[in-house]
Amino acid sequence: MRAWRIAKRAFALDRQGTGAHLSGGRWNSPGVAAVYAGLTPEIAAMEKLVHTGEILPQDLVLVMLDLPDDEPYQHYALKDLPVGWDALPSSTRAMAMGDQFLLTATHLGLIVP
């Protein structure tokens, strides 16, 4: 499986989820580490634009992640997500759902619509 990440050059290869750990994200609360990526470069770009606004930082890079196809991934269908999961800022229900996924560490990745 291939995934894509757009990040500032200094943090592009961060495997610890430092940024998400510090500030939280749609699927994690502050204090819970996560690495965010999209399944296409276009989705990664759209997510970056949503969270940075109209002006993008000049030092962004695109990183391709090669992930194992045979690892178990958790999939959530749209019908399984809490109301407001796509709100900005993120809803506490979506964060709690992601935190539970991240802290149980039973799957390599979480795939959401």
C-alpha atoms as a PDB file:
ATOM      1  CA  MET A   1       0.000   0.000   0.000  1.00  0.00           C
ATOM      2  CA  ARG A   2       1.254   3.447  -0.812  1.00  0.00           C
ATOM      3  CA  ALA A   3       0.427   6.518   1.271  1.00  0.00           C
ATOM      4  CA  TRP A   4       1.467  10.151   0.951  1.00  0.00           C
ATOM      5  CA  ARG A   5       2.369  12.824   3.451  1.00  0.00           C
ATOM      6  CA  ILE A   6       2.957  16.543   2.921  1.00  0.00           C
ATOM      7  CA  ALA A   7       4.917  18.244   5.651  1.00  0.00           C
ATOM      8  CA  LYS A   8       7.513  20.888   6.280  1.00  0.00           C
ATOM      9  CA  ARG A   9      10.901  19.577   5.203  1.00  0.00           C
ATOM     10  CA  ALA A  10      12.222  19.481   8.783  1.00  0.00           C
ATOM     11  CA  PHE A  11       9.391  17.162   9.889  1.00  0.00           C
ATOM     12  CA  ALA A  12       8.680  15.205   6.710  1.00  0.00           C
ATOM     13  CA  LEU A  13      10.386  12.004   7.857  1.00  0.00           C
ATOM     14  CA  ASP A  14       9.152  12.167  11.450  1.00  0.00           C
ATOM     15  CA  ARG A  15       7.956   8.686  12.394  1.00  0.00           C
ATOM     16  CA  GLN A  16       7.081   9.601  15.962  1.00  0.00           C
ATOM     17  CA  GLY A  17       4.029  11.775  15.253  1.00  0.00           C
ATOM     18  CA  THR A  18       5.581  14.724  17.056  1.00  0.00           C
ATOM     19  CA  GLY A  19       3.384  17.460  15.553  1.00  0.00           C
ATOM     20  CA  ALA A  20       0.151  15.589  16.190  1.00  0.00           C
ATOM     21  CA  HIS A  21       1.362  14.697  19.688  1.00  0.00           C
ATOM     22  CA  LEU A  22       1.911  18.370  20.482  1.00  0.00           C
ATOM     23  CA  SER A  23      -1.221  19.876  18.972  1.00  0.00           C
ATOM     24  CA  GLY A  24      -3.644  17.027  18.288  1.00  0.00           C
ATOM     25  CA  GLY A  25      -5.471  16.485  15.021  1.00  0.00           C
ATOM     26  CA  ARG A  26      -8.760  15.296  13.626  1.00  0.00           C
ATOM     27  CA  TRP A  27      -8.186  11.764  14.942  1.00  0.00           C
ATOM     28  CA  ASN A  28      -6.005  12.342  18.012  1.00  0.00           C
ATOM     29  CA  SER A  29      -5.958  14.464  21.138  1.00  0.00           C
ATOM     30  CA  PRO A  30      -2.900  16.435  22.199  1.00  0.00           C
ATOM     31  CA  GLY A  31      -0.566  14.042  23.993  1.00  0.00           C
ATOM     32  CA  VAL A  32      -1.376  11.117  21.685  1.00  0.00           C
ATOM     33  CA  ALA A  33       1.094  10.677  18.820  1.00  0.00           C
ATOM     34  CA  ALA A  34      -0.105  10.060  15.252  1.00  0.00           C
ATOM     35  CA  VAL A  35       1.325  10.261  11.740  1.00  0.00           C
ATOM     36  CA  TYR A  36      -1.193  11.488   9.167  1.00  0.00           C
ATOM     37  CA  ALA A  37      -1.053  10.489   5.496  1.00  0.00           C
ATOM     38  CA  GLY A  38      -3.421  10.162   2.547  1.00  0.00           C
ATOM     39  CA  LEU A  39      -3.824   7.351   0.053  1.00  0.00           C
ATOM     40  CA  THR A  40      -3.229   9.735  -2.867  1.00  0.00           C
ATOM     41  CA  PRO A  41      -1.043  12.839  -3.231  1.00  0.00           C
ATOM     42  CA  GLU A  42      -4.208  14.806  -4.011  1.00  0.00           C
ATOM     43  CA  ILE A  43      -5.860  13.863  -0.707  1.00  0.00           C
ATOM     44  CA  ALA A  44      -2.656  14.710   1.169  1.00  0.00           C
ATOM     45  CA  ALA A  45      -2.573  18.104  -0.572  1.00  0.00           C
ATOM     46  CA  MET A  46      -6.233  18.800   0.177  1.00  0.00           C
ATOM     47  CA  GLU A  47      -5.763  17.969   3.855  1.00  0.00           C
ATOM     48  CA  LYS A  48      -2.699  20.212   4.071  1.00  0.00           C
ATOM     49  CA  LEU A  49      -4.587  23.080   2.439  1.00  0.00           C
ATOM     50  CA  VAL A  50      -7.558  22.680   4.785  1.00  0.00           C
ATOM     51  CA  HIS A  51      -5.296  22.944   7.821  1.00  0.00           C
ATOM     52  CA  THR A  52      -2.924  25.679   6.648  1.00  0.00           C
ATOM     53  CA  GLY A  53      -5.313  28.023   4.852  1.00  0.00           C
ATOM     54  CA  GLU A  54      -4.727  29.792   1.565  1.00  0.00           C
ATOM     55  CA  ILE A  55      -1.016  30.466   2.020  1.00  0.00           C
ATOM     56  CA  LEU A  56       1.124  27.338   2.073  1.00  0.00           C
ATOM     57  CA  PRO A  57       4.558  27.335   3.678  1.00  0.00           C
ATOM     58  CA  GLN A  58       7.424  27.388   1.155  1.00  0.00           C
ATOM     59  CA  ASP A  59       9.277  24.422   2.653  1.00  0.00           C
ATOM     60  CA  LEU A  60       6.654  21.702   2.097  1.00  0.00           C
ATOM     61  CA  VAL A  61       7.703  18.359   0.654  1.00  0.00           C
ATOM     62  CA  LEU A  62       5.771  15.324  -0.548  1.00  0.00           C
ATOM     63  CA  VAL A  63       6.812  12.041   1.045  1.00  0.00           C
ATOM     64  CA  MET A  64       5.800   8.647  -0.300  1.00  0.00           C
ATOM     65  CA  LEU A  65       5.282   5.906   2.284  1.00  0.00           C
ATOM     66  CA  ASP A  66       5.475   2.271   1.216  1.00  0.00           C
ATOM     67  CA  LEU A  67       3.392   0.310   3.702  1.00  0.00           C
ATOM     68  CA  PRO A  68       2.924  -3.457   3.792  1.00  0.00           C
ATOM     69  CA  ASP A  69      -0.173  -4.706   1.969  1.00  0.00           C
ATOM     70  CA  ASP A  70      -0.584  -7.689   4.264  1.00  0.00           C
ATOM     71  CA  GLU A  71      -0.759  -5.761   7.543  1.00  0.00           C
ATOM     72  CA  PRO A  72      -4.144  -5.357   9.209  1.00  0.00           C
ATOM     73  CA  TYR A  73      -5.650  -1.901   8.726  1.00  0.00           C
ATOM     74  CA  GLN A  74      -8.716  -0.625  10.537  1.00  0.00           C
ATOM     75  CA  HIS A  75     -11.336   0.751   8.126  1.00  0.00           C
ATOM     76  CA  TYR A  76     -14.195   3.024   9.125  1.00  0.00           C
ATOM     77  CA  ALA A  77     -17.084   3.560   6.738  1.00  0.00           C
ATOM     78  CA  LEU A  78     -18.854   6.915   6.688  1.00  0.00           C
ATOM     79  CA  LYS A  79     -21.821   5.393   8.529  1.00  0.00           C
ATOM     80  CA  ASP A  80     -19.518   4.325  11.397  1.00  0.00           C
ATOM     81  CA  LEU A  81     -18.232   7.827  12.137  1.00  0.00           C
ATOM     82  CA  PRO A  82     -19.696  10.097  14.816  1.00  0.00           C
ATOM     83  CA  VAL A  83     -21.765  13.116  13.848  1.00  0.00           C
ATOM     84  CA  GLY A  84     -19.448  16.082  13.342  1.00  0.00           C
ATOM     85  CA  TRP A  85     -16.366  13.962  12.675  1.00  0.00           C
ATOM     86  CA  ASP A  86     -15.433  16.331   9.834  1.00  0.00           C
ATOM     87  CA  ALA A  87     -15.884  19.587  11.789  1.00  0.00           C
ATOM     88  CA  LEU A  88     -13.095  22.136  12.117  1.00  0.00           C
ATOM     89  CA  PRO A  89     -11.756  22.240  14.717  1.00  0.00           C
ATOM     90  CA  SER A  90     -12.041  18.511  15.210  1.00  0.00           C
ATOM     91  CA  SER A  91     -14.795  17.101  17.359  1.00  0.00           C
ATOM     92  CA  THR A  92     -13.874  15.493  20.649  1.00  0.00           C
ATOM     93  CA  ARG A  93     -15.816  12.390  19.567  1.00  0.00           C
ATOM     94  CA  ALA A  94     -13.599  11.903  16.496  1.00  0.00           C
ATOM     95  CA  MET A  95     -10.510  12.510  18.618  1.00  0.00           C
ATOM     96  CA  ALA A  96     -11.692   9.966  21.194  1.00  0.00           C
ATOM     97  CA  MET A  97     -12.331   7.411  18.443  1.00  0.00           C
ATOM     98  CA  GLY A  98      -8.840   7.963  17.039  1.00  0.00           C
ATOM     99  CA  ASP A  99      -7.224   7.944  20.474  1.00  0.00           C
ATOM    100  CA  GLN A 100      -8.782   4.566  21.188  1.00  0.00           C
ATOM    101  CA  PHE A 101      -7.424   3.230  17.888  1.00  0.00           C
ATOM    102  CA  LEU A 102      -3.942   4.666  18.499  1.00  0.00           C
ATOM    103  CA  LEU A 103      -3.633   3.575  22.115  1.00  0.00           C
ATOM    104  CA  THR A 104      -4.754  -0.018  21.524  1.00  0.00           C
ATOM    105  CA  ALA A 105      -2.144  -0.368  18.734  1.00  0.00           C
ATOM    106  CA  THR A 106      -3.749  -3.441  17.153  1.00  0.00           C
ATOM    107  CA  HIS A 107      -3.531  -2.226  13.556  1.00  0.00           C
ATOM    108  CA  LEU A 108      -0.833  -0.532  11.490  1.00  0.00           C
ATOM    109  CA  GLY A 109      -3.163   2.170  10.190  1.00  0.00           C
ATOM    110  CA  LEU A 110      -6.631   3.647  10.332  1.00  0.00           C
ATOM    111  CA  ILE A 111      -8.343   4.309   6.998  1.00  0.00           C
ATOM    112  CA  VAL A 112     -11.216   6.790   7.051  1.00  0.00           C
ATOM    113  CA  PRO A 113     -13.314   8.415   4.297  1.00  0.00           C
END
